[in-house]
Amino acid sequence: MPEPRDRVTRKADLLTALTAPAADVWVATASPGAAPHLVPLSLAWIGDQAVIALEGRSVTARNLGASGVARLAVGPTRDVAMIDVVLERSTGVDDDASLGEAYAAQADWDPRGLPGYVFLVLRPTRIQAWRESNELAGRVLMRDGDWVI
């Protein structure tokens, strides 16, 4: 088992993963009736916000619109980050040129021009990151929207 990383290193590793080209994310939401829903999507990390693109009528978009919250998972099982987010805003993929440019520059596809697609801009409120059990202590890197390191 590798030596545990300190929080500063974990944060740097996390930001590298979040800003990597073609980053992937698992997005977990729940319906108003508490039915869980989980989907893999492309991720762009723009500023300190996660941005996903999807059809505006999708289950994920509807669930996020109703509850305003989701949980994101980034990375493999042995180097994972769990990110609790709130929905900052939803915008059509052709309605914010700078957001569309930034998303397309990082993601492995460009949804602009697709009818009914939206960008969901998600603000992290809590981030946890760990590799192995020896990193469970100190895994919280962000609490209440503020980095703790």
Foldseek 3Di string as FASTA:
>chain_A
DDDWDALVVLVVVVVCLQAAAAFKKWKWFAAPVGHIDIDIFTWHCDDQKIKTKDFCPDPRNNRCVVPQWIWMWGDDPQKIKIWIWGFPDKAQLQPDVVVQVRSCVRHPDRCPPPPRMIMTIIQTAWMFTHRDPNHPVPRTQHHRRHGPD
